[in-house]
Amino acid sequence: MNAQGERWILHADMDAFYASIEQRDHPELRGKPVIVGAQSKRGVVAAASYEARTFGVRSAMPGFRARELCPDGVYLPSNIEHYAAVSAQVHEVFLSFTPEIEPIALDEAFLDITGSLRLLGEPQKLAADLKRAVRDATALNVSVGLGPNKLVAKLACTLGKPDGLLVVERPGVRSFVDPLPIRRLWGVGPVLGAKLASLGIETFRDLSSYDPALLASQLGERAHELQRLARGEDERPVQAYREPKSYGEENTFETDVSDRTRVTGALTAHSEAVARRLRHDDYAGRTVTVKAKLSRARGRREARDSSASTEPYYPLVTRSRTLREATNDGAVIRNVAVELWDEAKLAEPVRLLGVSLSNLESGGGAQLELFKQPKTKLGRTLDAITERFGEHAISRAVERSEKLTPGRTKKRGT
């Protein structure tokens, strides 16, 4: 807390980050509808410039839908390595204002600036200085929301976009959150949103004032937490470092896949990629999970963005197995993944396939049995070759390794 006992949380979110980087680096794209990702009909939009958003294009939208809405847009492949490098620049700017930073993604973070105010000035001045510093360092805009907690800061940042700076002081929290639609509340997705709407709950005010006992009878234990958040109350701290819960890799195929050779090739590539990242961060894990999205749509469901149209629903199948000992060896992960695939005996092709490792332990390579050391050395050697010569420079000789499309997504967990 600062001298006045006030806690101040800042939420920073880069505006259309990937697309803005492309427009910055390629001046001829400025003012044009730029869409990053969606390189194929099964790809998804990673980012859309504000010019593209006027056509209804948004992040996470299927590529075919983006092209229907904006056929004349400029569609670019993702360059994650470059975006990550720019993100690191932004993070360095944040560090000049506070060490209490909780990254959420490459383009956004929470900052606890409470301890910085005595040195750097009032909250609004600090936020304005931070926006200016990001702009000077990267030639990019960042939107900022300030509030007494994470929830309010996040909402303020979102509502202030683009290039916004919105401050909500503690006495004004209720008047700020009360009229907001309930779908803006953390944890309220399409299903829960529909459930709340059936109870006549459309806004934060409706939820916060609803009879607690009646709400609990409908929603169970989560009712109390939802009402607390609807009042703008959120005591979660900014966590400068969060232990990962899982590491995973997945990709959507250009065409539906059922051929076992292609499937095992993809499982091999994913398993090796997961293992490399585990070794890099010095983790190992015990639970291997394979997920597959089936090829045939079963109806439609509301899109992630409630203002958008519905999207096809493809069932997701998952299979998991927990090992006796933690591992970060790609061959071990791959063998278990293939066994899980074989055991699933799916009766139709798949459009998406992923592998993840959870139930993590830190110090993945620290304590090893004698006969496991050669495998670990092999993994480190493969890592070194991959880092120097590229992802497809070398692979294990286990069936044909699938060369995956750039649409693959990487997840470190939450």
Protein backbone atom coordinates (compact mmCIF):
# COMPACT_ATOMS: atom_id res chain seq x y z
CA MET A 1 0.00 0.00 0.00
CA ASN A 2 1.11 3.60 -0.55
CA ALA A 3 1.15 6.29 2.06
CA GLN A 4 -2.60 6.85 1.66
CA GLY A 5 -3.31 3.13 2.05
CA GLU A 6 -4.51 2.81 -1.53
CA ARG A 7 -3.66 -0.17 -3.70
CA TRP A 8 -3.18 0.62 -7.40
CA ILE A 9 -3.13 -2.01 -10.14
CA LEU A 10 -2.37 -1.14 -13.76
CA HIS A 11 -3.41 -3.33 -16.67
CA ALA A 12 -1.48 -2.72 -19.89
CA ASP A 13 -2.60 -4.18 -23.22
CA MET A 14 -0.83 -3.47 -26.51
CA ASP A 15 -3.25 -2.36 -29.23
CA ALA A 16 -3.69 -4.97 -32.00
CA PHE A 17 -0.15 -6.02 -31.12
CA TYR A 18 0.90 -8.38 -33.93
CA ALA A 19 -0.90 -6.38 -36.62
CA SER A 20 0.48 -3.10 -35.28
CA ILE A 21 4.03 -4.47 -35.42
CA GLU A 22 3.52 -5.42 -39.07
CA GLN A 23 2.16 -1.97 -39.87
CA ARG A 24 5.06 -0.35 -38.04
CA ASP A 25 7.64 -2.45 -39.90
CA HIS A 26 5.92 -2.09 -43.27
CA PRO A 27 4.66 1.49 -43.71
CA GLU A 28 2.79 0.55 -46.88
CA LEU A 29 0.37 -1.44 -44.67
CA ARG A 30 -0.63 1.53 -42.52
CA GLY A 31 -4.29 2.37 -42.87
CA LYS A 32 -5.05 -1.01 -44.43
CA PRO A 33 -7.00 -3.93 -42.89
CA VAL A 34 -4.18 -6.22 -41.73
CA ILE A 35 -4.97 -9.71 -40.44
CA VAL A 36 -2.20 -11.82 -38.90
CA GLY A 37 -2.78 -15.55 -39.09
CA ALA A 38 -5.71 -17.22 -40.89
CA GLN A 39 -3.36 -18.33 -43.67
CA SER A 40 -5.65 -21.22 -44.53
CA LYS A 41 -9.37 -21.87 -44.30
CA ARG A 42 -8.74 -23.69 -41.03
CA GLY A 43 -6.37 -21.16 -39.58
CA VAL A 44 -7.49 -18.62 -37.01
CA VAL A 45 -6.94 -14.88 -36.72
CA ALA A 46 -4.07 -14.12 -34.35
CA ALA A 47 -4.56 -10.36 -34.54
CA ALA A 48 -6.54 -7.86 -36.58
CA SER A 49 -5.72 -4.20 -37.09
CA TYR A 50 -8.38 -1.68 -36.16
CA GLU A 51 -9.01 -1.13 -39.86
CA ALA A 52 -9.85 -4.85 -40.16
CA ARG A 53 -12.05 -4.72 -37.07
CA THR A 54 -14.38 -2.29 -38.79
CA PHE A 55 -15.32 -5.23 -41.03
CA GLY A 56 -16.07 -7.40 -37.98
CA VAL A 57 -12.79 -9.35 -38.01
CA ARG A 58 -11.47 -10.22 -34.53
CA SER A 59 -8.81 -12.39 -32.96
CA ALA A 60 -9.55 -16.13 -32.64
CA MET A 61 -12.02 -15.92 -35.55
CA PRO A 62 -11.81 -18.80 -38.07
CA GLY A 63 -9.92 -17.83 -41.19
CA PHE A 64 -12.79 -18.65 -43.55
CA ARG A 65 -15.07 -16.27 -41.64
CA ALA A 66 -12.48 -13.47 -41.66
CA ARG A 67 -12.12 -13.80 -45.43
CA GLU A 68 -15.89 -13.67 -45.86
CA LEU A 69 -16.04 -10.42 -43.88
CA CYS A 70 -12.87 -8.85 -45.27
CA PRO A 71 -11.92 -10.44 -48.61
CA ASP A 72 -9.62 -7.54 -49.51
CA GLY A 73 -7.69 -7.63 -46.25
CA VAL A 74 -3.93 -8.12 -46.09
CA TYR A 75 -3.39 -11.59 -44.63
CA LEU A 76 0.06 -12.19 -43.15
CA PRO A 77 1.69 -15.22 -41.50
CA SER A 78 2.53 -14.97 -37.82
CA ASN A 79 6.12 -14.17 -36.89
CA ILE A 80 6.03 -15.18 -33.24
CA GLU A 81 9.78 -14.90 -32.68
CA HIS A 82 9.74 -11.26 -33.81
CA TYR A 83 6.63 -10.45 -31.77
CA ALA A 84 8.24 -12.04 -28.71
CA ALA A 85 11.33 -9.86 -29.18
CA VAL A 86 9.17 -6.72 -29.27
CA SER A 87 7.29 -8.00 -26.22
CA ALA A 88 10.61 -8.25 -24.37
CA GLN A 89 11.26 -4.58 -25.21
CA VAL A 90 7.88 -3.65 -23.76
CA HIS A 91 8.61 -5.69 -20.63
CA GLU A 92 11.86 -3.79 -20.12
CA VAL A 93 9.88 -0.55 -20.18
CA PHE A 94 7.46 -1.92 -17.59
CA LEU A 95 10.41 -2.85 -15.36
CA SER A 96 11.46 0.79 -15.26
CA PHE A 97 8.18 1.54 -13.47
CA THR A 98 7.81 -1.48 -11.15
CA PRO A 99 9.28 -4.96 -10.62
CA GLU A 100 5.80 -6.26 -9.74
CA ILE A 101 4.75 -7.46 -13.19
CA GLU A 102 2.49 -10.39 -14.04
CA PRO A 103 2.62 -11.15 -17.77
CA ILE A 104 -0.64 -12.52 -19.17
CA ALA A 105 0.48 -12.90 -22.78
CA LEU A 106 3.01 -11.36 -25.14
CA ASP A 107 0.83 -8.28 -25.42
CA GLU A 108 -0.57 -7.68 -21.93
CA ALA A 109 0.34 -7.64 -18.26
CA PHE A 110 -0.74 -6.55 -14.81
CA LEU A 111 1.53 -4.19 -12.87
CA ASP A 112 1.24 -3.40 -9.19
CA ILE A 113 2.38 0.23 -9.07
CA THR A 114 1.47 0.85 -5.42
CA GLY A 115 5.09 0.96 -4.29
CA SER A 116 6.18 3.17 -7.19
CA LEU A 117 3.90 6.13 -6.57
CA ARG A 118 6.05 7.83 -3.93
CA LEU A 119 8.91 8.04 -6.42
CA LEU A 120 7.13 8.35 -9.76
CA GLY A 121 4.08 10.46 -8.95
CA GLU A 122 0.32 10.06 -8.98
CA PRO A 123 -1.28 7.02 -10.69
CA GLN A 124 -2.53 8.88 -13.76
CA LYS A 125 0.83 10.59 -14.30
CA LEU A 126 2.66 7.27 -13.94
CA ALA A 127 0.30 5.64 -16.45
CA ALA A 128 0.77 8.49 -18.93
CA ASP A 129 4.54 8.28 -18.53
CA LEU A 130 4.41 4.50 -19.10
CA LYS A 131 2.38 4.92 -22.29
CA ARG A 132 4.86 7.50 -23.54
CA ALA A 133 7.84 5.30 -22.69
CA VAL A 134 6.38 2.31 -24.55
CA ARG A 135 5.70 4.52 -27.55
CA ASP A 136 9.25 5.93 -27.50
CA ALA A 137 10.82 2.46 -27.22
CA THR A 138 8.69 0.62 -29.76
CA ALA A 139 6.66 3.13 -31.81
CA LEU A 140 3.55 1.21 -30.69
CA ASN A 141 0.51 2.16 -28.62
CA VAL A 142 -0.48 0.55 -25.35
CA SER A 143 -3.84 0.97 -23.65
CA VAL A 144 -3.82 1.29 -19.87
CA GLY A 145 -6.45 0.79 -17.18
CA LEU A 146 -5.94 1.78 -13.55
CA GLY A 147 -7.94 0.61 -10.58
CA PRO A 148 -7.79 -0.71 -7.03
CA ASN A 149 -7.67 -4.34 -8.22
CA LYS A 150 -7.08 -6.57 -11.24
CA LEU A 151 -10.71 -6.85 -12.29
CA VAL A 152 -11.35 -3.12 -12.37
CA ALA A 153 -8.01 -2.38 -14.06
CA LYS A 154 -8.71 -4.97 -16.77
CA LEU A 155 -12.20 -3.63 -17.42
CA ALA A 156 -10.91 -0.04 -17.53
CA CYS A 157 -8.20 -1.00 -20.02
CA THR A 158 -10.65 -2.83 -22.28
CA LEU A 159 -13.20 -0.03 -22.26
CA GLY A 160 -10.51 2.57 -22.96
CA LYS A 161 -9.18 0.96 -26.13
CA PRO A 162 -7.59 1.89 -28.44
CA ASP A 163 -4.70 3.94 -27.05
CA GLY A 164 -6.67 4.55 -23.88
CA LEU A 165 -5.92 5.63 -20.34
CA LEU A 166 -8.85 5.13 -17.98
CA VAL A 167 -8.59 5.54 -14.20
CA VAL A 168 -11.20 4.17 -11.77
CA GLU A 169 -10.71 5.22 -8.16
CA ARG A 170 -12.03 3.05 -5.34
CA PRO A 171 -15.05 5.27 -4.50
CA GLY A 172 -16.20 5.07 -8.12
CA VAL A 173 -15.91 1.31 -8.59
CA ARG A 174 -19.60 0.48 -8.15
CA SER A 175 -20.82 3.21 -10.49
CA PHE A 176 -18.24 1.99 -13.04
CA VAL A 177 -19.07 -1.72 -12.96
CA ASP A 178 -22.83 -1.67 -12.24
CA PRO A 179 -24.06 -0.98 -15.80
CA LEU A 180 -21.61 -3.31 -17.56
CA PRO A 181 -23.03 -6.37 -19.39
CA ILE A 182 -22.53 -9.56 -17.44
CA ARG A 183 -20.50 -11.19 -20.23
CA ARG A 184 -17.65 -8.80 -19.38
CA LEU A 185 -17.21 -10.52 -16.01
CA TRP A 186 -14.28 -12.93 -15.69
CA GLY A 187 -15.47 -16.51 -15.88
CA VAL A 188 -18.80 -15.76 -17.58
CA GLY A 189 -18.75 -17.46 -20.95
CA PRO A 190 -21.59 -18.31 -23.33
CA VAL A 191 -23.05 -21.14 -21.23
CA LEU A 192 -22.98 -19.34 -17.88
CA GLY A 193 -24.05 -16.11 -19.57
CA ALA A 194 -27.16 -17.86 -20.94
CA LYS A 195 -27.86 -19.35 -17.51
CA LEU A 196 -27.64 -15.93 -15.84
CA ALA A 197 -29.82 -14.38 -18.56
CA SER A 198 -32.48 -17.01 -17.84
CA LEU A 199 -32.50 -15.71 -14.25
CA GLY A 200 -32.98 -12.15 -15.47
CA ILE A 201 -29.34 -11.21 -14.81
CA GLU A 202 -28.01 -9.00 -17.59
CA THR A 203 -25.63 -6.57 -15.84
CA PHE A 204 -23.14 -6.50 -12.98
CA ARG A 205 -25.76 -4.66 -10.91
CA ASP A 206 -28.32 -7.40 -11.55
CA LEU A 207 -25.87 -10.04 -10.35
CA SER A 208 -24.59 -8.19 -7.29
CA SER A 209 -28.12 -7.46 -6.06
CA TYR A 210 -29.57 -10.92 -6.75
CA ASP A 211 -30.77 -12.92 -3.77
CA PRO A 212 -27.63 -14.82 -2.59
CA ALA A 213 -29.48 -17.92 -1.41
CA LEU A 214 -31.47 -18.20 -4.63
CA LEU A 215 -28.35 -17.68 -6.73
CA ALA A 216 -26.49 -20.36 -4.77
CA SER A 217 -29.33 -22.79 -5.40
CA GLN A 218 -28.84 -22.23 -9.14
CA LEU A 219 -25.05 -21.93 -9.41
CA GLY A 220 -23.68 -23.70 -6.34
CA GLU A 221 -20.42 -22.65 -4.66
CA ARG A 222 -19.38 -20.22 -7.38
CA ALA A 223 -22.35 -17.93 -6.70
CA HIS A 224 -20.66 -16.06 -3.83
CA GLU A 225 -17.46 -15.44 -5.81
CA LEU A 226 -19.39 -14.18 -8.84
CA GLN A 227 -21.38 -11.74 -6.74
CA ARG A 228 -18.22 -10.47 -5.09
CA LEU A 229 -16.62 -9.83 -8.48
CA ALA A 230 -19.82 -8.18 -9.72
CA ARG A 231 -19.40 -5.64 -6.90
CA GLY A 232 -15.90 -4.90 -8.21
CA GLU A 233 -14.19 -6.69 -5.32
CA ASP A 234 -11.03 -8.60 -6.22
CA GLU A 235 -8.17 -9.23 -3.80
CA ARG A 236 -5.95 -11.34 -6.06
CA PRO A 237 -2.35 -10.14 -5.94
CA VAL A 238 -0.17 -9.39 -8.94
CA GLN A 239 2.07 -12.43 -9.19
CA ALA A 240 5.45 -11.44 -10.54
CA TYR A 241 6.17 -15.09 -11.36
CA ARG A 242 3.66 -17.87 -11.83
CA GLU A 243 4.65 -21.51 -11.88
CA PRO A 244 3.47 -23.09 -15.15
CA LYS A 245 0.77 -25.72 -14.88
CA SER A 246 1.33 -27.37 -18.24
CA TYR A 247 3.30 -27.26 -21.48
CA GLY A 248 1.54 -28.09 -24.72
CA GLU A 249 1.65 -27.94 -28.50
CA GLU A 250 -1.19 -28.36 -30.99
CA ASN A 251 -2.00 -27.75 -34.64
CA THR A 252 -4.97 -27.70 -36.96
CA PHE A 253 -4.45 -29.76 -40.14
CA GLU A 254 -5.11 -28.31 -43.57
CA THR A 255 -7.28 -31.37 -44.35
CA ASP A 256 -8.85 -33.94 -42.03
CA VAL A 257 -6.41 -36.64 -40.96
CA SER A 258 -6.98 -40.31 -40.15
CA ASP A 259 -3.81 -41.88 -41.55
CA ARG A 260 -1.84 -43.26 -38.60
CA THR A 261 1.53 -42.28 -40.07
CA ARG A 262 0.52 -38.62 -40.27
CA VAL A 263 -1.03 -38.75 -36.81
CA THR A 264 2.05 -40.28 -35.19
CA GLY A 265 4.25 -37.84 -37.09
CA ALA A 266 2.31 -34.94 -35.57
CA LEU A 267 2.40 -36.53 -32.11
CA THR A 268 6.17 -36.96 -32.47
CA ALA A 269 6.70 -33.32 -33.50
CA HIS A 270 4.52 -32.04 -30.66
CA SER A 271 6.15 -34.28 -28.07
CA GLU A 272 9.64 -33.18 -29.06
CA ALA A 273 8.64 -29.51 -29.01
CA VAL A 274 7.08 -29.87 -25.55
CA ALA A 275 10.19 -31.68 -24.30
CA ARG A 276 12.51 -28.96 -25.62
CA ARG A 277 10.58 -26.25 -23.78
CA LEU A 278 10.47 -28.30 -20.59
CA ARG A 279 14.23 -28.80 -20.66
CA HIS A 280 14.79 -25.13 -21.45
CA ASP A 281 12.80 -24.10 -18.35
CA ASP A 282 14.14 -27.00 -16.24
CA TYR A 283 10.81 -28.76 -15.73
CA ALA A 284 9.57 -32.32 -16.06
CA GLY A 285 6.03 -33.64 -15.92
CA ARG A 286 4.10 -36.80 -15.13
CA THR A 287 0.75 -36.50 -16.93
CA VAL A 288 0.66 -36.82 -20.72
CA THR A 289 -2.52 -35.66 -22.45
CA VAL A 290 -3.53 -36.05 -26.08
CA LYS A 291 -6.40 -34.02 -27.44
CA ALA A 292 -8.08 -34.36 -30.81
CA LYS A 293 -10.83 -32.28 -32.39
CA LEU A 294 -13.13 -34.38 -34.56
CA SER A 295 -13.67 -33.43 -38.18
CA ARG A 296 -17.47 -33.37 -38.31
CA ALA A 297 -19.24 -30.36 -36.82
CA ARG A 298 -22.11 -31.00 -34.42
CA GLY A 299 -24.21 -27.89 -34.78
CA ARG A 300 -23.09 -24.35 -33.92
CA ARG A 301 -22.35 -22.41 -30.77
CA GLU A 302 -21.89 -18.77 -29.78
CA ALA A 303 -18.50 -17.33 -30.69
CA ARG A 304 -16.02 -16.27 -28.00
CA ASP A 305 -16.91 -12.68 -28.74
CA SER A 306 -20.60 -12.45 -27.83
CA SER A 307 -21.11 -9.75 -30.47
CA ALA A 308 -20.03 -12.12 -33.23
CA SER A 309 -22.05 -14.77 -35.04
CA THR A 310 -22.13 -18.41 -34.05
CA GLU A 311 -19.37 -20.80 -35.10
CA PRO A 312 -19.35 -24.53 -35.93
CA TYR A 313 -18.87 -26.80 -32.92
CA TYR A 314 -16.38 -29.65 -33.32
CA PRO A 315 -16.26 -32.18 -30.44
CA LEU A 316 -12.99 -32.40 -28.53
CA VAL A 317 -11.69 -35.77 -27.32
CA THR A 318 -8.97 -36.02 -24.66
CA ARG A 319 -7.03 -38.95 -23.23
CA SER A 320 -4.49 -38.76 -20.37
CA ARG A 321 -2.05 -41.00 -18.54
CA THR A 322 0.01 -40.26 -15.43
CA LEU A 323 3.52 -41.74 -15.30
CA ARG A 324 5.27 -43.05 -12.20
CA GLU A 325 8.18 -40.67 -12.73
CA ALA A 326 8.37 -37.19 -14.18
CA THR A 327 9.98 -36.85 -17.60
CA ASN A 328 11.10 -34.25 -20.11
CA ASP A 329 12.25 -36.80 -22.69
CA GLY A 330 10.56 -36.41 -26.06
CA ALA A 331 10.66 -40.12 -26.87
CA VAL A 332 8.90 -41.03 -23.62
CA ILE A 333 6.21 -38.40 -24.14
CA ARG A 334 5.79 -39.45 -27.74
CA ASN A 335 5.42 -43.16 -26.95
CA VAL A 336 2.74 -42.48 -24.35
CA ALA A 337 0.95 -40.09 -26.71
CA VAL A 338 0.85 -42.70 -29.47
CA GLU A 339 -0.46 -45.32 -27.05
CA LEU A 340 -3.21 -42.93 -25.96
CA TRP A 341 -4.11 -42.29 -29.58
CA ASP A 342 -4.31 -46.02 -30.33
CA GLU A 343 -6.42 -46.64 -27.24
CA ALA A 344 -8.88 -43.91 -28.20
CA LYS A 345 -9.82 -45.78 -31.41
CA LEU A 346 -11.49 -42.74 -32.94
CA ALA A 347 -14.02 -43.64 -35.60
CA GLU A 348 -13.62 -40.49 -37.70
CA PRO A 349 -10.79 -38.24 -38.92
CA VAL A 350 -9.51 -35.34 -36.84
CA ARG A 351 -8.92 -31.68 -37.73
CA LEU A 352 -6.76 -30.79 -34.70
CA LEU A 353 -4.23 -32.73 -32.64
CA GLY A 354 -2.32 -31.71 -29.53
CA VAL A 355 0.02 -33.05 -26.85
CA SER A 356 0.59 -31.58 -23.41
CA LEU A 357 2.44 -32.45 -20.22
CA SER A 358 1.15 -31.42 -16.79
CA ASN A 359 1.62 -32.39 -13.15
CA LEU A 360 4.96 -30.59 -13.35
CA GLU A 361 8.07 -30.71 -11.17
CA SER A 362 10.83 -28.11 -11.26
CA GLY A 363 14.47 -29.15 -11.63
CA GLY A 364 13.54 -31.61 -14.34
CA GLY A 365 17.13 -32.55 -15.14
CA ALA A 366 18.72 -32.18 -11.74
CA GLN A 367 18.37 -35.67 -10.24
CA LEU A 368 18.83 -38.49 -12.71
CA GLU A 369 19.41 -42.19 -12.46
CA LEU A 370 22.61 -43.45 -14.08
CA PHE A 371 20.91 -45.16 -17.00
CA LYS A 372 18.75 -42.12 -17.79
CA GLN A 373 21.69 -39.81 -18.35
CA PRO A 374 22.36 -40.80 -21.97
CA LYS A 375 18.77 -39.92 -22.93
CA THR A 376 19.06 -36.57 -21.21
CA LYS A 377 22.35 -35.83 -22.98
CA LEU A 378 20.71 -36.75 -26.29
CA GLY A 379 17.86 -34.35 -25.56
CA ARG A 380 20.26 -31.51 -24.76
CA THR A 381 22.22 -32.23 -27.94
CA LEU A 382 19.06 -32.13 -30.02
CA ASP A 383 18.13 -28.86 -28.35
CA ALA A 384 21.48 -27.30 -29.27
CA ILE A 385 21.23 -28.41 -32.91
CA THR A 386 17.63 -27.17 -33.16
CA GLU A 387 18.51 -23.82 -31.64
CA ARG A 388 21.35 -23.28 -34.08
CA PHE A 389 19.97 -24.74 -37.31
CA GLY A 390 16.17 -24.58 -36.94
CA GLU A 391 13.26 -26.69 -35.81
CA HIS A 392 13.36 -29.19 -38.70
CA ALA A 393 17.16 -29.62 -38.81
CA ILE A 394 17.06 -32.94 -36.95
CA SER A 395 14.51 -35.32 -35.47
CA ARG A 396 14.35 -38.77 -33.95
CA ALA A 397 14.06 -41.73 -36.31
CA VAL A 398 10.54 -42.71 -35.28
CA GLU A 399 8.08 -43.00 -38.18
CA ARG A 400 7.70 -39.98 -40.45
CA SER A 401 7.76 -36.74 -38.53
CA GLU A 402 4.95 -34.41 -39.51
CA LYS A 403 6.10 -30.99 -40.74
CA LEU A 404 3.50 -28.79 -39.13
CA THR A 405 1.95 -25.61 -40.48
CA PRO A 406 2.71 -22.19 -38.98
CA GLY A 407 -0.78 -22.27 -37.46
CA ARG A 408 0.47 -24.36 -34.56
CA THR A 409 -0.15 -22.80 -31.19
CA LYS A 410 2.09 -23.02 -28.15
CA LYS A 411 0.80 -23.02 -24.61
CA ARG A 412 2.72 -22.78 -21.37
CA GLY A 413 -0.28 -23.09 -19.10
CA THR A 414 -1.94 -20.77 -16.63
